[in-house]
Amino acid sequence: INDAKTKHMEELASTVGSINTDTEQMNEKDEQKRQLTHEFDKTCAVFRAKITEILFTKICAVRKVRNELLVNSKVTPPSNMSDCDFSDWASKTGECMNSAGQAILCDDTCPRKDPYKCGGKEVMKRDVIVLPNANGMKCPPLEREKLCGQKKCPVDCVMSTWSGWSKCTKDCESGVQSKTRSILTKPRNGGKGCDAVQESRACHTGSCDRDCTLMNWGAWAPCSMACGGGRTTRTRKVLVPIRGQGKCPKKEAGERLDEKVCNNHDCVGDEVCIAQQDLILMVDASGSLKEDGFEIMRDFVLNLTQRYKPEYFGRNAVRIGVALFGNGKLITAPDGSTTVAPA
């Protein structure tokens, strides 16, 4: 248990360290994002001002002044002018090509000091909507190249397969078991983030009270009699014990004890016993039995032991021992009387 505890503590410390490292990196990235967002907004404001100047001062204003100057012209009045009109810029092929002529989406060598040394170029085009006449403004260039793919390639998160479900925390009344997986590759450069590394589910939601479960019926026990009618039994043992306030039949109950008659044929007098057992016969030799009674007891023991076979078909069978017990033997006193010696 101590070794397992030490191992889990080491894993916990490693996990906490990884979380702290990721938190520091996330804070640094957030700060970088704030700085870049500020610089982006500042630069965009400058460009918007220049675009406004171009559109409304250098183009629209010049065109308006021209039209006002030529409104009374008999050679080139504004009605005889048709300026070029064109669509917005759009990609010509939809692909960003590097210097080797290969289509790319990103370039891990970026950024560089020279922005033209990384990424690729994309051909942009715009279509003529209205053709100009001899008096109107000519069309500007309809194609140009722009830099593209100047960003690091995104790396998606890679995770291991799920482990097996852990052991349930409780045997009953709603426990919890979980499974985990580890992060093999952390996401970078806007790649797909990682999903959860741990999942849990409820288990053993049943009540803690459980009745016992019994095994199947066992084999029938040997018959109590070789002939003349005996009894044999079979039982069912407990496979799963009770829990809480569960119930279980007693050993003597009908659900666990079955009994039937066996060997109910008549005895013929030649029966023998070949059971593997140890048998001790205690023979009463006390004076209360008297001589005739002892002879009857002796003949019975002799007849009984002859029916037990110590070996049967080469296999060991019964082992028998005989012990006498009683009040000792008769001894004659000096005066001619008799008495019983101590046992």
Protein backbone atom coordinates (compact mmCIF):
# COMPACT_ATOMS: atom_id res chain seq x y z
CA ILE A 1 0.00 0.00 0.00
CA ASN A 2 2.83 2.41 0.87
CA ASP A 3 4.52 1.75 -2.49
CA ALA A 4 1.27 2.41 -4.34
CA LYS A 5 0.71 5.58 -2.32
CA THR A 6 4.23 6.81 -3.11
CA LYS A 7 3.70 6.11 -6.81
CA HIS A 8 0.41 8.01 -6.89
CA MET A 9 1.96 10.93 -4.99
CA GLU A 10 4.73 11.11 -7.58
CA GLU A 11 2.16 11.10 -10.39
CA LEU A 12 0.18 13.81 -8.61
CA ALA A 13 3.29 15.98 -8.19
CA SER A 14 4.15 15.53 -11.87
CA THR A 15 0.62 16.46 -12.91
CA VAL A 16 0.58 19.56 -10.70
CA GLY A 17 3.94 20.60 -12.15
CA SER A 18 2.60 20.21 -15.69
CA ILE A 19 -0.48 22.27 -14.81
CA ASN A 20 1.70 25.06 -13.38
CA THR A 21 3.90 25.07 -16.47
CA ASP A 22 0.89 25.20 -18.78
CA THR A 23 -0.60 28.02 -16.72
CA GLU A 24 2.60 30.08 -17.00
CA GLN A 25 2.73 29.48 -20.75
CA MET A 26 -0.93 30.44 -21.10
CA ASN A 27 -0.31 33.69 -19.19
CA GLU A 28 2.62 34.49 -21.46
CA LYS A 29 0.53 33.77 -24.56
CA ASP A 30 -2.28 35.98 -23.26
CA GLU A 31 0.16 38.84 -22.75
CA GLN A 32 1.56 38.34 -26.26
CA LYS A 33 -1.98 38.31 -27.63
CA ARG A 34 -2.79 41.61 -25.92
CA GLN A 35 0.34 43.23 -27.30
CA LEU A 36 -0.25 41.93 -30.82
CA THR A 37 -3.91 42.99 -30.73
CA HIS A 38 -2.85 46.51 -29.68
CA GLU A 39 -0.26 46.72 -32.49
CA PHE A 40 -2.77 45.31 -34.99
CA ASP A 41 -5.45 47.83 -34.09
CA LYS A 42 -2.92 50.68 -34.23
CA THR A 43 -1.61 49.62 -37.66
CA CYS A 44 -5.13 49.05 -39.03
CA ALA A 45 -6.08 52.57 -38.00
CA VAL A 46 -3.18 53.96 -40.06
CA PHE A 47 -4.12 51.88 -43.08
CA ARG A 48 -7.79 52.85 -42.83
CA ALA A 49 -6.77 56.50 -42.86
CA LYS A 50 -4.67 55.95 -45.99
CA ILE A 51 -7.45 54.04 -47.73
CA THR A 52 -9.90 56.81 -46.92
CA GLU A 53 -7.48 59.36 -48.35
CA ILE A 54 -7.02 57.33 -51.53
CA LEU A 55 -10.71 56.69 -52.07
CA PHE A 56 -12.18 60.02 -51.16
CA THR A 57 -9.29 62.41 -51.94
CA LYS A 58 -7.06 60.96 -54.63
CA ILE A 59 -9.76 59.18 -56.64
CA CYS A 60 -13.23 60.46 -55.90
CA ALA A 61 -12.18 64.06 -55.34
CA VAL A 62 -10.05 64.16 -58.51
CA ARG A 63 -12.88 62.62 -60.51
CA LYS A 64 -15.33 65.15 -59.11
CA VAL A 65 -13.05 68.08 -59.93
CA ARG A 66 -12.55 66.71 -63.45
CA ASN A 67 -16.27 66.44 -64.06
CA GLU A 68 -16.84 69.95 -62.78
CA LEU A 69 -14.15 71.35 -65.08
CA LEU A 70 -15.51 69.57 -68.15
CA VAL A 71 -19.19 70.11 -67.53
CA ASN A 72 -19.28 72.82 -70.18
CA SER A 73 -16.86 71.13 -72.57
CA LYS A 74 -18.17 70.45 -76.06
CA VAL A 75 -15.42 67.94 -76.85
CA THR A 76 -15.33 65.80 -73.71
CA PRO A 77 -18.36 66.50 -71.53
CA PRO A 78 -18.92 64.08 -68.63
CA SER A 79 -21.64 62.36 -70.65
CA ASN A 80 -19.01 61.28 -73.19
CA MET A 81 -16.79 59.78 -70.51
CA SER A 82 -16.82 56.15 -69.46
CA ASP A 83 -14.37 55.31 -66.69
CA CYS A 84 -13.08 51.80 -66.05
CA ASP A 85 -14.94 49.96 -63.33
CA PHE A 86 -13.71 46.70 -61.86
CA SER A 87 -14.48 44.15 -59.16
CA ASP A 88 -12.73 43.64 -55.84
CA TRP A 89 -9.58 41.57 -55.56
CA ALA A 90 -10.05 37.78 -55.48
CA SER A 91 -7.71 34.84 -55.60
CA LYS A 92 -7.03 33.63 -59.09
CA THR A 93 -6.35 29.97 -58.25
CA GLY A 94 -7.20 29.79 -54.56
CA GLU A 95 -3.73 28.39 -53.79
CA CYS A 96 -0.65 29.73 -52.06
CA MET A 97 2.51 28.61 -53.89
CA ASN A 98 6.02 28.51 -52.42
CA SER A 99 9.25 29.10 -54.30
CA ALA A 100 9.35 25.43 -55.33
CA GLY A 101 5.95 25.66 -56.97
CA GLN A 102 4.17 23.65 -54.25
CA ALA A 103 0.84 24.63 -52.74
CA ILE A 104 1.18 25.40 -49.02
CA LEU A 105 -1.03 26.57 -46.20
CA CYS A 106 1.69 27.42 -43.69
CA ASP A 107 5.44 27.56 -43.20
CA ASP A 108 7.21 26.59 -39.96
CA THR A 109 10.27 28.70 -40.93
CA CYS A 110 8.24 31.88 -40.39
CA PRO A 111 8.65 34.51 -39.13
CA ARG A 112 11.93 35.84 -40.55
CA LYS A 113 13.55 39.24 -40.66
CA ASP A 114 13.01 39.31 -44.41
CA PRO A 115 9.28 38.61 -44.90
CA TYR A 116 9.92 37.56 -48.48
CA LYS A 117 12.06 34.60 -47.38
CA CYS A 118 9.23 32.50 -45.97
CA GLY A 119 5.71 31.51 -46.89
CA GLY A 120 4.49 31.73 -50.47
CA LYS A 121 2.75 33.97 -52.98
CA GLU A 122 -0.83 34.04 -54.17
CA VAL A 123 -1.94 35.56 -57.49
CA MET A 124 -4.83 37.97 -57.02
CA LYS A 125 -7.06 39.20 -59.86
CA ARG A 126 -9.96 41.55 -60.47
CA ASP A 127 -12.35 41.62 -63.39
CA VAL A 128 -13.38 44.58 -65.54
CA ILE A 129 -17.05 45.42 -65.09
CA VAL A 130 -17.18 48.53 -67.33
CA LEU A 131 -14.70 49.11 -70.15
CA PRO A 132 -13.38 52.67 -70.43
CA ASN A 133 -13.66 54.72 -73.61
CA ALA A 134 -11.03 57.04 -75.02
CA ASN A 135 -12.01 59.85 -72.67
CA GLY A 136 -12.42 57.85 -69.49
CA MET A 137 -9.99 56.67 -66.81
CA LYS A 138 -7.99 53.64 -67.88
CA CYS A 139 -8.09 50.34 -65.99
CA PRO A 140 -5.38 49.73 -63.40
CA PRO A 141 -3.40 46.46 -63.31
CA LEU A 142 -5.81 43.54 -63.01
CA GLU A 143 -3.37 41.06 -61.43
CA ARG A 144 -0.89 41.21 -58.60
CA GLU A 145 0.89 38.92 -56.17
CA LYS A 146 0.53 38.97 -52.42
CA LEU A 147 2.38 37.13 -49.68
CA CYS A 148 0.56 34.24 -48.08
CA GLY A 149 1.07 31.23 -45.82
CA GLN A 150 3.33 33.22 -43.51
CA LYS A 151 2.32 31.43 -40.33
CA LYS A 152 3.49 28.38 -38.49
CA CYS A 153 1.62 25.17 -39.25
CA PRO A 154 -0.95 24.27 -36.58
CA VAL A 155 -0.27 21.13 -34.51
CA ASP A 156 -3.36 19.33 -33.26
CA CYS A 157 -3.52 17.68 -29.87
CA VAL A 158 -2.70 13.97 -29.84
CA MET A 159 -4.01 11.86 -26.98
CA SER A 160 -3.47 8.28 -25.92
CA THR A 161 -6.24 5.70 -25.90
CA TRP A 162 -8.48 5.48 -22.85
CA SER A 163 -7.40 3.29 -19.97
CA GLY A 164 -9.79 0.72 -18.59
CA TRP A 165 -12.42 1.71 -16.05
CA SER A 166 -11.07 1.80 -12.51
CA LYS A 167 -12.53 -0.17 -9.64
CA CYS A 168 -15.75 1.25 -8.27
CA THR A 169 -15.23 3.35 -5.16
CA LYS A 170 -18.16 1.66 -3.40
CA ASP A 171 -19.73 -1.78 -3.50
CA CYS A 172 -23.23 -0.33 -3.35
CA GLU A 173 -25.27 2.88 -2.99
CA SER A 174 -23.72 4.68 -6.00
CA GLY A 175 -19.96 4.63 -6.33
CA VAL A 176 -17.79 6.22 -9.01
CA GLN A 177 -15.33 4.74 -11.44
CA SER A 178 -13.17 6.63 -13.88
CA LYS A 179 -10.88 6.20 -16.86
CA THR A 180 -8.03 8.41 -17.98
CA ARG A 181 -5.84 9.16 -20.97
CA SER A 182 -2.71 11.23 -21.34
CA ILE A 183 -1.70 14.02 -23.71
CA LEU A 184 0.98 12.81 -26.10
CA THR A 185 1.31 16.03 -28.12
CA LYS A 186 0.16 19.44 -26.92
CA PRO A 187 -1.60 21.69 -29.45
CA ARG A 188 0.41 24.55 -30.93
CA ASN A 189 -0.07 27.40 -33.37
CA GLY A 190 -3.87 27.30 -33.23
CA GLY A 191 -4.17 23.53 -33.62
CA LYS A 192 -7.15 21.55 -32.39
CA GLY A 193 -7.27 21.57 -28.60
CA CYS A 194 -7.30 18.57 -26.30
CA ASP A 195 -10.47 16.97 -25.01
CA ALA A 196 -10.97 15.80 -21.44
CA VAL A 197 -8.27 13.56 -19.98
CA GLN A 198 -10.62 11.93 -17.49
CA GLU A 199 -14.16 10.60 -17.60
CA SER A 200 -16.27 9.28 -14.73
CA ARG A 201 -19.48 7.33 -14.44
CA ALA A 202 -21.70 6.02 -11.68
CA CYS A 203 -21.41 2.38 -10.67
CA HIS A 204 -22.95 -0.05 -8.21
CA THR A 205 -26.04 2.10 -7.86
CA GLY A 206 -28.06 -0.69 -6.24
CA SER A 207 -28.97 -0.92 -2.58
CA CYS A 208 -26.41 -2.18 -0.09
CA ASP A 209 -28.95 -4.77 1.13
CA ARG A 210 -28.31 -7.99 -0.79
CA ASP A 211 -29.65 -11.51 -0.39
CA CYS A 212 -27.20 -14.35 -0.65
CA THR A 213 -26.65 -16.28 -3.87
CA LEU A 214 -26.54 -20.08 -3.64
CA MET A 215 -24.44 -22.44 -5.69
CA ASN A 216 -25.98 -25.24 -7.72
CA TRP A 217 -26.85 -28.46 -5.90
CA GLY A 218 -23.82 -30.51 -4.93
CA ALA A 219 -23.40 -34.26 -5.45
CA TRP A 220 -25.44 -36.76 -3.41
CA ALA A 221 -23.63 -37.93 -0.29
CA PRO A 222 -22.96 -41.69 0.20
CA CYS A 223 -26.01 -43.61 1.41
CA SER A 224 -26.20 -44.15 5.16
CA MET A 225 -27.04 -47.82 4.65
CA ALA A 226 -25.73 -50.39 2.14
CA CYS A 227 -29.09 -52.14 2.11
CA GLY A 228 -32.38 -52.17 3.90
CA GLY A 229 -33.11 -48.51 3.16
CA GLY A 230 -30.90 -45.55 4.02
CA ARG A 231 -30.84 -41.82 3.56
CA THR A 232 -28.70 -39.61 1.32
CA THR A 233 -28.48 -35.84 1.17
CA ARG A 234 -27.17 -33.07 -1.00
CA THR A 235 -26.63 -29.41 -0.17
CA ARG A 236 -26.22 -26.01 -1.73
CA LYS A 237 -23.42 -23.81 -0.46
CA VAL A 238 -23.41 -20.01 -0.39
CA LEU A 239 -21.73 -18.48 -3.43
CA VAL A 240 -22.25 -14.78 -2.59
CA PRO A 241 -22.91 -13.91 1.09
CA ILE A 242 -25.55 -11.50 2.27
CA ARG A 243 -24.86 -7.80 2.66
CA GLY A 244 -26.57 -5.32 4.93
CA GLN A 245 -30.10 -6.45 5.73
CA GLY A 246 -30.14 -9.21 3.12
CA LYS A 247 -31.54 -12.68 3.79
CA CYS A 248 -30.21 -16.20 3.29
CA PRO A 249 -31.82 -19.63 4.01
CA LYS A 250 -30.39 -21.67 6.88
CA LYS A 251 -28.41 -24.84 6.21
CA GLU A 252 -31.39 -26.99 7.23
CA ALA A 253 -33.87 -25.13 5.01
CA GLY A 254 -35.36 -26.88 2.01
CA GLU A 255 -33.66 -24.41 -0.35
CA ARG A 256 -30.26 -25.69 0.80
CA LEU A 257 -30.83 -29.31 1.98
CA ASP A 258 -32.35 -32.10 -0.09
CA GLU A 259 -32.87 -35.65 1.19
CA LYS A 260 -34.10 -38.91 -0.32
CA VAL A 261 -34.27 -42.66 0.38
CA CYS A 262 -31.51 -44.86 -1.01
CA ASN A 263 -30.46 -48.56 -1.10
CA ASN A 264 -33.92 -49.69 -0.09
CA HIS A 265 -33.33 -53.24 -1.31
CA ASP A 266 -33.30 -56.07 1.27
CA CYS A 267 -30.07 -57.15 2.90
CA VAL A 268 -28.96 -60.77 2.09
CA GLY A 269 -26.19 -61.16 4.70
CA ASP A 270 -23.07 -61.04 2.51
CA GLU A 271 -22.61 -57.30 2.48
CA VAL A 272 -19.11 -55.89 3.04
CA CYS A 273 -17.79 -52.37 3.66
CA ILE A 274 -14.97 -51.00 1.51
CA ALA A 275 -15.23 -47.34 2.49
CA GLN A 276 -12.06 -45.36 3.01
CA GLN A 277 -12.42 -44.62 6.70
CA ASP A 278 -10.79 -45.11 10.10
CA LEU A 279 -12.94 -47.06 12.57
CA ILE A 280 -12.40 -47.43 16.34
CA LEU A 281 -14.62 -49.93 18.17
CA MET A 282 -14.96 -49.44 21.92
CA VAL A 283 -15.89 -52.78 23.53
CA ASP A 284 -17.50 -52.80 26.95
CA ALA A 285 -15.74 -55.32 29.19
CA SER A 286 -17.11 -54.18 32.49
CA GLY A 287 -18.45 -56.56 35.07
CA SER A 288 -21.98 -55.30 34.61
CA LEU A 289 -22.04 -57.06 31.24
CA LYS A 290 -21.39 -60.46 32.84
CA GLU A 291 -19.72 -63.31 31.02
CA ASP A 292 -22.64 -64.17 28.73
CA GLY A 293 -23.16 -60.57 27.76
CA PHE A 294 -19.46 -60.11 27.00
CA GLU A 295 -19.47 -63.18 24.76
CA ILE A 296 -22.41 -61.75 22.81
CA MET A 297 -20.56 -58.43 22.48
CA ARG A 298 -17.39 -60.21 21.39
CA ASP A 299 -19.21 -62.28 18.73
CA PHE A 300 -20.91 -59.15 17.41
CA VAL A 301 -17.59 -57.31 17.09
CA LEU A 302 -16.03 -60.30 15.37
CA ASN A 303 -18.90 -60.58 12.90
CA LEU A 304 -18.84 -56.82 12.28
CA THR A 305 -15.10 -56.53 11.67
CA GLN A 306 -15.18 -59.41 9.22
CA ARG A 307 -17.42 -57.33 6.96
CA TYR A 308 -14.86 -54.50 6.74
CA LYS A 309 -12.18 -54.93 4.10
CA PRO A 310 -8.80 -53.23 4.76
CA GLU A 311 -7.94 -53.65 1.06
CA TYR A 312 -10.22 -54.01 -1.94
CA PHE A 313 -8.99 -54.53 -5.48
CA GLY A 314 -5.56 -53.22 -4.55
CA ARG A 315 -6.82 -50.06 -2.90
CA ASN A 316 -6.62 -49.23 0.80
CA ALA A 317 -10.03 -49.27 2.47
CA VAL A 318 -10.97 -49.47 6.13
CA ARG A 319 -8.52 -49.21 9.03
CA ILE A 320 -9.96 -50.68 12.24
CA GLY A 321 -8.90 -50.46 15.87
CA VAL A 322 -10.51 -52.19 18.89
CA ALA A 323 -10.25 -50.90 22.46
CA LEU A 324 -11.60 -52.59 25.61
CA PHE A 325 -12.93 -50.55 28.47
CA GLY A 326 -14.49 -51.51 31.81
CA ASN A 327 -13.74 -51.89 35.58
CA GLY A 328 -10.54 -53.91 35.28
CA LYS A 329 -10.14 -57.63 36.12
CA LEU A 330 -11.01 -59.87 39.12
CA ILE A 331 -8.27 -60.44 41.68
CA THR A 332 -8.31 -62.91 44.63
CA ALA A 333 -7.81 -61.52 48.12
CA PRO A 334 -5.70 -63.41 50.79
CA ASP A 335 -8.85 -64.50 52.49
CA GLY A 336 -10.11 -66.15 49.31
CA SER A 337 -12.59 -63.46 48.32
CA THR A 338 -12.53 -61.71 44.90
CA THR A 339 -12.57 -58.05 44.01
CA VAL A 340 -12.31 -55.92 40.88
CA ALA A 341 -8.97 -54.30 40.15
CA PRO A 342 -8.90 -50.60 39.20
CA ALA A 343 -9.40 -49.97 35.48
